[in-house]
Amino acid sequence: PLQEITLRKYELPSGLDRDELARKF
């Protein structure tokens, strides 16, 4: 591929700490 991205949709980011937000991102 010239470029590649995978997109996944998770639940809304409520109540997550910064580490978990970064992980889900």
PDB file of all heavy atoms in Angstrom:
ATOM      1  N   PRO A   1       0.822  -1.217   0.000  1.00  0.00           N
ATOM      2  CA  PRO A   1       0.000   0.000   0.000  1.00  0.00           C
ATOM      3  C   PRO A   1       0.851   1.260   0.000  1.00  0.00           C
ATOM      4  O   PRO A   1       1.966   1.267   0.523  1.00  0.00           O
ATOM      5  CB  PRO A   1      -0.794  -0.108   1.307  1.00  0.00           C
ATOM      6  CG  PRO A   1       0.023  -0.994   2.174  1.00  0.00           C
ATOM      7  CD  PRO A   1       0.758  -1.931   1.260  1.00  0.00           C
ATOM      8  N   LEU A   2       0.329   2.317  -0.601  1.00  0.00           N
ATOM      9  CA  LEU A   2       1.002   3.612  -0.580  1.00  0.00           C
ATOM     10  C   LEU A   2       0.897   4.205   0.820  1.00  0.00           C
ATOM     11  O   LEU A   2       1.810   4.862   1.297  1.00  0.00           O
ATOM     12  CB  LEU A   2       0.363   4.565  -1.598  1.00  0.00           C
ATOM     13  CG  LEU A   2       0.380   4.093  -3.042  1.00  0.00           C
ATOM     14  CD1 LEU A   2      -0.415   5.045  -3.922  1.00  0.00           C
ATOM     15  CD2 LEU A   2       1.809   3.984  -3.530  1.00  0.00           C
ATOM     16  N   GLN A   3      -0.236   4.000   1.442  1.00  0.00           N
ATOM     17  CA  GLN A   3      -0.493   4.417   2.815  1.00  0.00           C
ATOM     18  C   GLN A   3      -1.410   3.381   3.419  1.00  0.00           C
ATOM     19  O   GLN A   3      -2.100   2.658   2.709  1.00  0.00           O
ATOM     20  CB  GLN A   3      -1.206   5.762   2.864  1.00  0.00           C
ATOM     21  CG  GLN A   3      -0.315   6.943   2.828  1.00  0.00           C
ATOM     22  CD  GLN A   3      -1.123   8.226   2.945  1.00  0.00           C
ATOM     23  OE1 GLN A   3      -2.224   8.307   2.438  1.00  0.00           O
ATOM     24  NE2 GLN A   3      -0.556   9.200   3.591  1.00  0.00           N
ATOM     25  N   GLU A   4      -1.439   3.352   4.737  1.00  0.00           N
ATOM     26  CA  GLU A   4      -2.285   2.365   5.383  1.00  0.00           C
ATOM     27  C   GLU A   4      -2.804   2.935   6.694  1.00  0.00           C
ATOM     28  O   GLU A   4      -2.069   3.580   7.428  1.00  0.00           O
ATOM     29  CB  GLU A   4      -1.451   1.113   5.651  1.00  0.00           C
ATOM     30  CG  GLU A   4      -2.200  -0.036   6.219  1.00  0.00           C
ATOM     31  CD  GLU A   4      -1.326  -1.275   6.319  1.00  0.00           C
ATOM     32  OE1 GLU A   4      -0.112  -1.147   6.544  1.00  0.00           O
ATOM     33  OE2 GLU A   4      -1.874  -2.368   6.182  1.00  0.00           O
ATOM     34  N   ILE A   5      -4.075   2.718   6.955  1.00  0.00           N
ATOM     35  CA  ILE A   5      -4.648   3.077   8.253  1.00  0.00           C
ATOM     36  C   ILE A   5      -5.748   2.079   8.561  1.00  0.00           C
ATOM     37  O   ILE A   5      -6.443   1.595   7.675  1.00  0.00           O
ATOM     38  CB  ILE A   5      -5.175   4.531   8.307  1.00  0.00           C
ATOM     39  CG1 ILE A   5      -5.490   4.901   9.752  1.00  0.00           C
ATOM     40  CG2 ILE A   5      -6.371   4.721   7.397  1.00  0.00           C
ATOM     41  CD1 ILE A   5      -5.571   6.386  10.004  1.00  0.00           C
ATOM     42  N   THR A   6      -5.842   1.747   9.823  1.00  0.00           N
ATOM     43  CA  THR A   6      -6.918   0.901  10.320  1.00  0.00           C
ATOM     44  C   THR A   6      -7.745   1.766  11.247  1.00  0.00           C
ATOM     45  O   THR A   6      -7.187   2.474  12.083  1.00  0.00           O
ATOM     46  CB  THR A   6      -6.336  -0.295  11.115  1.00  0.00           C
ATOM     47  OG1 THR A   6      -5.514  -1.054  10.250  1.00  0.00           O
ATOM     48  CG2 THR A   6      -7.432  -1.163  11.688  1.00  0.00           C
ATOM     49  N   LEU A   7      -9.045   1.753  11.085  1.00  0.00           N
ATOM     50  CA  LEU A   7      -9.916   2.522  11.971  1.00  0.00           C
ATOM     51  C   LEU A   7     -10.804   1.573  12.757  1.00  0.00           C
ATOM     52  O   LEU A   7     -11.379   0.645  12.194  1.00  0.00           O
ATOM     53  CB  LEU A   7     -10.797   3.482  11.167  1.00  0.00           C
ATOM     54  CG  LEU A   7     -10.094   4.594  10.423  1.00  0.00           C
ATOM     55  CD1 LEU A   7     -11.095   5.401   9.613  1.00  0.00           C
ATOM     56  CD2 LEU A   7      -9.348   5.487  11.391  1.00  0.00           C
ATOM     57  N   ARG A   8     -10.882   1.811  14.056  1.00  0.00           N
ATOM     58  CA  ARG A   8     -11.766   1.035  14.922  1.00  0.00           C
ATOM     59  C   ARG A   8     -12.574   2.018  15.760  1.00  0.00           C
ATOM     60  O   ARG A   8     -12.044   3.038  16.187  1.00  0.00           O
ATOM     61  CB  ARG A   8     -10.954   0.142  15.856  1.00  0.00           C
ATOM     62  CG  ARG A   8     -10.123  -0.892  15.147  1.00  0.00           C
ATOM     63  CD  ARG A   8      -9.402  -1.787  16.157  1.00  0.00           C
ATOM     64  NE  ARG A   8      -8.521  -2.699  15.474  1.00  0.00           N
ATOM     65  CZ  ARG A   8      -7.223  -2.471  15.261  1.00  0.00           C
ATOM     66  NH1 ARG A   8      -6.659  -1.379  15.707  1.00  0.00           N
ATOM     67  NH2 ARG A   8      -6.491  -3.343  14.619  1.00  0.00           N
ATOM     68  N   LYS A   9     -13.835   1.685  15.996  1.00  0.00           N
ATOM     69  CA  LYS A   9     -14.694   2.548  16.805  1.00  0.00           C
ATOM     70  C   LYS A   9     -14.936   1.875  18.152  1.00  0.00           C
ATOM     71  O   LYS A   9     -15.376   0.725  18.208  1.00  0.00           O
ATOM     72  CB  LYS A   9     -16.024   2.799  16.092  1.00  0.00           C
ATOM     73  CG  LYS A   9     -16.935   3.747  16.840  1.00  0.00           C
ATOM     74  CD  LYS A   9     -18.205   4.003  16.042  1.00  0.00           C
ATOM     75  CE  LYS A   9     -19.151   4.909  16.795  1.00  0.00           C
ATOM     76  NZ  LYS A   9     -20.388   5.118  16.044  1.00  0.00           N
ATOM     77  N   TYR A  10     -14.631   2.599  19.211  1.00  0.00           N
ATOM     78  CA  TYR A  10     -14.855   2.114  20.573  1.00  0.00           C
ATOM     79  C   TYR A  10     -15.910   2.976  21.240  1.00  0.00           C
ATOM     80  O   TYR A  10     -16.363   3.978  20.683  1.00  0.00           O
ATOM     81  CB  TYR A  10     -13.541   2.169  21.376  1.00  0.00           C
ATOM     82  CG  TYR A  10     -12.549   1.134  20.924  1.00  0.00           C
ATOM     83  CD1 TYR A  10     -11.545   1.444  20.020  1.00  0.00           C
ATOM     84  CD2 TYR A  10     -12.610  -0.168  21.387  1.00  0.00           C
ATOM     85  CE1 TYR A  10     -10.636   0.488  19.591  1.00  0.00           C
ATOM     86  CE2 TYR A  10     -11.703  -1.137  20.967  1.00  0.00           C
ATOM     87  CZ  TYR A  10     -10.722  -0.801  20.073  1.00  0.00           C
ATOM     88  OH  TYR A  10      -9.828  -1.753  19.655  1.00  0.00           O
ATOM     89  N   GLU A  11     -16.287   2.589  22.450  1.00  0.00           N
ATOM     90  CA  GLU A  11     -17.265   3.362  23.216  1.00  0.00           C
ATOM     91  C   GLU A  11     -16.729   4.776  23.454  1.00  0.00           C
ATOM     92  O   GLU A  11     -15.545   5.031  23.303  1.00  0.00           O
ATOM     93  CB  GLU A  11     -17.567   2.674  24.553  1.00  0.00           C
ATOM     94  CG  GLU A  11     -16.417   2.675  25.560  1.00  0.00           C
ATOM     95  CD  GLU A  11     -15.311   1.637  25.318  1.00  0.00           C
ATOM     96  OE1 GLU A  11     -15.469   0.765  24.444  1.00  0.00           O
ATOM     97  OE2 GLU A  11     -14.282   1.737  26.003  1.00  0.00           O
ATOM     98  N   LEU A  12     -17.615   5.683  23.841  1.00  0.00           N
ATOM     99  CA  LEU A  12     -17.197   7.055  24.142  1.00  0.00           C
ATOM    100  C   LEU A  12     -16.176   7.050  25.285  1.00  0.00           C
ATOM    101  O   LEU A  12     -16.310   6.262  26.225  1.00  0.00           O
ATOM    102  CB  LEU A  12     -18.405   7.915  24.530  1.00  0.00           C
ATOM    103  CG  LEU A  12     -19.279   8.368  23.376  1.00  0.00           C
ATOM    104  CD1 LEU A  12     -20.549   9.022  23.887  1.00  0.00           C
ATOM    105  CD2 LEU A  12     -18.514   9.328  22.479  1.00  0.00           C
ATOM    106  N   PRO A  13     -15.187   7.925  25.202  1.00  0.00           N
ATOM    107  CA  PRO A  13     -14.110   7.927  26.204  1.00  0.00           C
ATOM    108  C   PRO A  13     -14.489   8.663  27.493  1.00  0.00           C
ATOM    109  O   PRO A  13     -14.044   9.764  27.745  1.00  0.00           O
ATOM    110  CB  PRO A  13     -12.974   8.647  25.480  1.00  0.00           C
ATOM    111  CG  PRO A  13     -13.661   9.563  24.538  1.00  0.00           C
ATOM    112  CD  PRO A  13     -14.915   8.852  24.123  1.00  0.00           C
ATOM    113  N   SER A  14     -15.325   8.042  28.311  1.00  0.00           N
ATOM    114  CA  SER A  14     -15.678   8.691  29.577  1.00  0.00           C
ATOM    115  C   SER A  14     -15.096   7.882  30.732  1.00  0.00           C
ATOM    116  O   SER A  14     -15.112   6.650  30.712  1.00  0.00           O
ATOM    117  CB  SER A  14     -17.194   8.810  29.715  1.00  0.00           C
ATOM    118  OG  SER A  14     -17.794   7.530  29.642  1.00  0.00           O
ATOM    119  N   GLY A  15     -14.566   8.585  31.704  1.00  0.00           N
ATOM    120  CA  GLY A  15     -14.027   7.941  32.893  1.00  0.00           C
ATOM    121  C   GLY A  15     -12.708   7.219  32.695  1.00  0.00           C
ATOM    122  O   GLY A  15     -12.319   6.414  33.536  1.00  0.00           O
ATOM    123  N   LEU A  16     -12.016   7.486  31.589  1.00  0.00           N
ATOM    124  CA  LEU A  16     -10.735   6.823  31.337  1.00  0.00           C
ATOM    125  C   LEU A  16      -9.596   7.744  31.759  1.00  0.00           C
ATOM    126  O   LEU A  16      -9.667   8.954  31.552  1.00  0.00           O
ATOM    127  CB  LEU A  16     -10.587   6.492  29.850  1.00  0.00           C
ATOM    128  CG  LEU A  16     -11.643   5.585  29.216  1.00  0.00           C
ATOM    129  CD1 LEU A  16     -11.373   5.428  27.723  1.00  0.00           C
ATOM    130  CD2 LEU A  16     -11.667   4.228  29.893  1.00  0.00           C
ATOM    131  N   ASP A  17      -8.548   7.157  32.339  1.00  0.00           N
ATOM    132  CA  ASP A  17      -7.384   7.976  32.663  1.00  0.00           C
ATOM    133  C   ASP A  17      -6.568   8.223  31.393  1.00  0.00           C
ATOM    134  O   ASP A  17      -6.856   7.664  30.335  1.00  0.00           O
ATOM    135  CB  ASP A  17      -6.541   7.349  33.775  1.00  0.00           C
ATOM    136  CG  ASP A  17      -5.918   6.012  33.395  1.00  0.00           C
ATOM    137  OD1 ASP A  17      -5.830   5.688  32.192  1.00  0.00           O
ATOM    138  OD2 ASP A  17      -5.496   5.280  34.306  1.00  0.00           O
ATOM    139  N   ARG A  18      -5.547   9.059  31.515  1.00  0.00           N
ATOM    140  CA  ARG A  18      -4.769   9.459  30.343  1.00  0.00           C
ATOM    141  C   ARG A  18      -4.124   8.267  29.642  1.00  0.00           C
ATOM    142  O   ARG A  18      -4.094   8.194  28.415  1.00  0.00           O
ATOM    143  CB  ARG A  18      -3.699  10.461  30.771  1.00  0.00           C
ATOM    144  CG  ARG A  18      -2.943  11.040  29.622  1.00  0.00           C
ATOM    145  CD  ARG A  18      -1.890  11.993  30.125  1.00  0.00           C
ATOM    146  NE  ARG A  18      -1.421  12.804  29.054  1.00  0.00           N
ATOM    147  CZ  ARG A  18      -0.857  13.971  29.217  1.00  0.00           C
ATOM    148  NH1 ARG A  18      -0.721  14.484  30.409  1.00  0.00           N
ATOM    149  NH2 ARG A  18      -0.426  14.653  28.177  1.00  0.00           N
ATOM    150  N   ASP A  19      -3.607   7.311  30.424  1.00  0.00           N
ATOM    151  CA  ASP A  19      -2.973   6.136  29.828  1.00  0.00           C
ATOM    152  C   ASP A  19      -3.970   5.319  29.019  1.00  0.00           C
ATOM    153  O   ASP A  19      -3.678   4.867  27.913  1.00  0.00           O
ATOM    154  CB  ASP A  19      -2.326   5.257  30.905  1.00  0.00           C
ATOM    155  CG  ASP A  19      -1.101   5.898  31.525  1.00  0.00           C
ATOM    156  OD1 ASP A  19      -0.683   6.993  31.078  1.00  0.00           O
ATOM    157  OD2 ASP A  19      -0.548   5.308  32.480  1.00  0.00           O
ATOM    158  N   GLU A  20      -5.169   5.120  29.575  1.00  0.00           N
ATOM    159  CA  GLU A  20      -6.179   4.339  28.873  1.00  0.00           C
ATOM    160  C   GLU A  20      -6.721   5.096  27.657  1.00  0.00           C
ATOM    161  O   GLU A  20      -7.021   4.505  26.631  1.00  0.00           O
ATOM    162  CB  GLU A  20      -7.306   3.945  29.828  1.00  0.00           C
ATOM    163  CG  GLU A  20      -8.230   2.880  29.289  1.00  0.00           C
ATOM    164  CD  GLU A  20      -7.571   1.558  28.890  1.00  0.00           C
ATOM    165  OE1 GLU A  20      -6.489   1.222  29.411  1.00  0.00           O
ATOM    166  OE2 GLU A  20      -8.143   0.866  28.024  1.00  0.00           O
ATOM    167  N   LEU A  21      -6.825   6.424  27.761  1.00  0.00           N
ATOM    168  CA  LEU A  21      -7.224   7.238  26.605  1.00  0.00           C
ATOM    169  C   LEU A  21      -6.216   7.079  25.468  1.00  0.00           C
ATOM    170  O   LEU A  21      -6.597   6.892  24.312  1.00  0.00           O
ATOM    171  CB  LEU A  21      -7.311   8.720  26.995  1.00  0.00           C
ATOM    172  CG  LEU A  21      -8.552   9.158  27.758  1.00  0.00           C
ATOM    173  CD1 LEU A  21      -8.359  10.562  28.310  1.00  0.00           C
ATOM    174  CD2 LEU A  21      -9.783   9.081  26.881  1.00  0.00           C
ATOM    175  N   ALA A  22      -4.928   7.142  25.809  1.00  0.00           N
ATOM    176  CA  ALA A  22      -3.881   6.982  24.793  1.00  0.00           C
ATOM    177  C   ALA A  22      -3.951   5.590  24.166  1.00  0.00           C
ATOM    178  O   ALA A  22      -3.837   5.433  22.954  1.00  0.00           O
ATOM    179  CB  ALA A  22      -2.507   7.228  25.411  1.00  0.00           C
ATOM    180  N   ARG A  23      -4.162   4.577  25.001  1.00  0.00           N
ATOM    181  CA  ARG A  23      -4.252   3.194  24.508  1.00  0.00           C
ATOM    182  C   ARG A  23      -5.420   3.054  23.527  1.00  0.00           C
ATOM    183  O   ARG A  23      -5.268   2.505  22.438  1.00  0.00           O
ATOM    184  CB  ARG A  23      -4.414   2.254  25.700  1.00  0.00           C
ATOM    185  CG  ARG A  23      -4.522   0.807  25.341  1.00  0.00           C
ATOM    186  CD  ARG A  23      -4.592  -0.054  26.610  1.00  0.00           C
ATOM    187  NE  ARG A  23      -4.832  -1.421  26.272  1.00  0.00           N
ATOM    188  CZ  ARG A  23      -3.968  -2.223  25.672  1.00  0.00           C
ATOM    189  NH1 ARG A  23      -2.771  -1.778  25.350  1.00  0.00           N
ATOM    190  NH2 ARG A  23      -4.272  -3.459  25.372  1.00  0.00           N
ATOM    191  N   LYS A  24      -6.610   3.567  23.911  1.00  0.00           N
ATOM    192  CA  LYS A  24      -7.788   3.463  23.033  1.00  0.00           C
ATOM    193  C   LYS A  24      -7.589   4.274  21.754  1.00  0.00           C
ATOM    194  O   LYS A  24      -8.020   3.866  20.677  1.00  0.00           O
ATOM    195  CB  LYS A  24      -9.057   3.930  23.765  1.00  0.00           C
ATOM    196  CG  LYS A  24      -9.598   2.908  24.752  1.00  0.00           C
ATOM    197  CD  LYS A  24     -10.229   1.748  24.018  1.00  0.00           C
ATOM    198  CE  LYS A  24     -10.579   0.562  24.860  1.00  0.00           C
ATOM    199  NZ  LYS A  24     -11.639   0.636  25.771  1.00  0.00           N
ATOM    200  N   PHE A  25      -6.930   5.428  21.863  1.00  0.00           N
ATOM    201  CA  PHE A  25      -6.644   6.233  20.679  1.00  0.00           C
ATOM    202  C   PHE A  25      -5.766   5.447  19.710  1.00  0.00           C
ATOM    203  O   PHE A  25      -6.058   5.362  18.510  1.00  0.00           O
ATOM    204  CB  PHE A  25      -5.969   7.550  21.075  1.00  0.00           C
ATOM    205  CG  PHE A  25      -5.543   8.382  19.896  1.00  0.00           C
ATOM    206  CD1 PHE A  25      -6.483   9.110  19.171  1.00  0.00           C
ATOM    207  CD2 PHE A  25      -4.221   8.422  19.495  1.00  0.00           C
ATOM    208  CE1 PHE A  25      -6.097   9.867  18.071  1.00  0.00           C
ATOM    209  CE2 PHE A  25      -3.825   9.172  18.398  1.00  0.00           C
ATOM    210  CZ  PHE A  25      -4.770   9.892  17.685  1.00  0.00           C
TER     211      PHE A  25
END
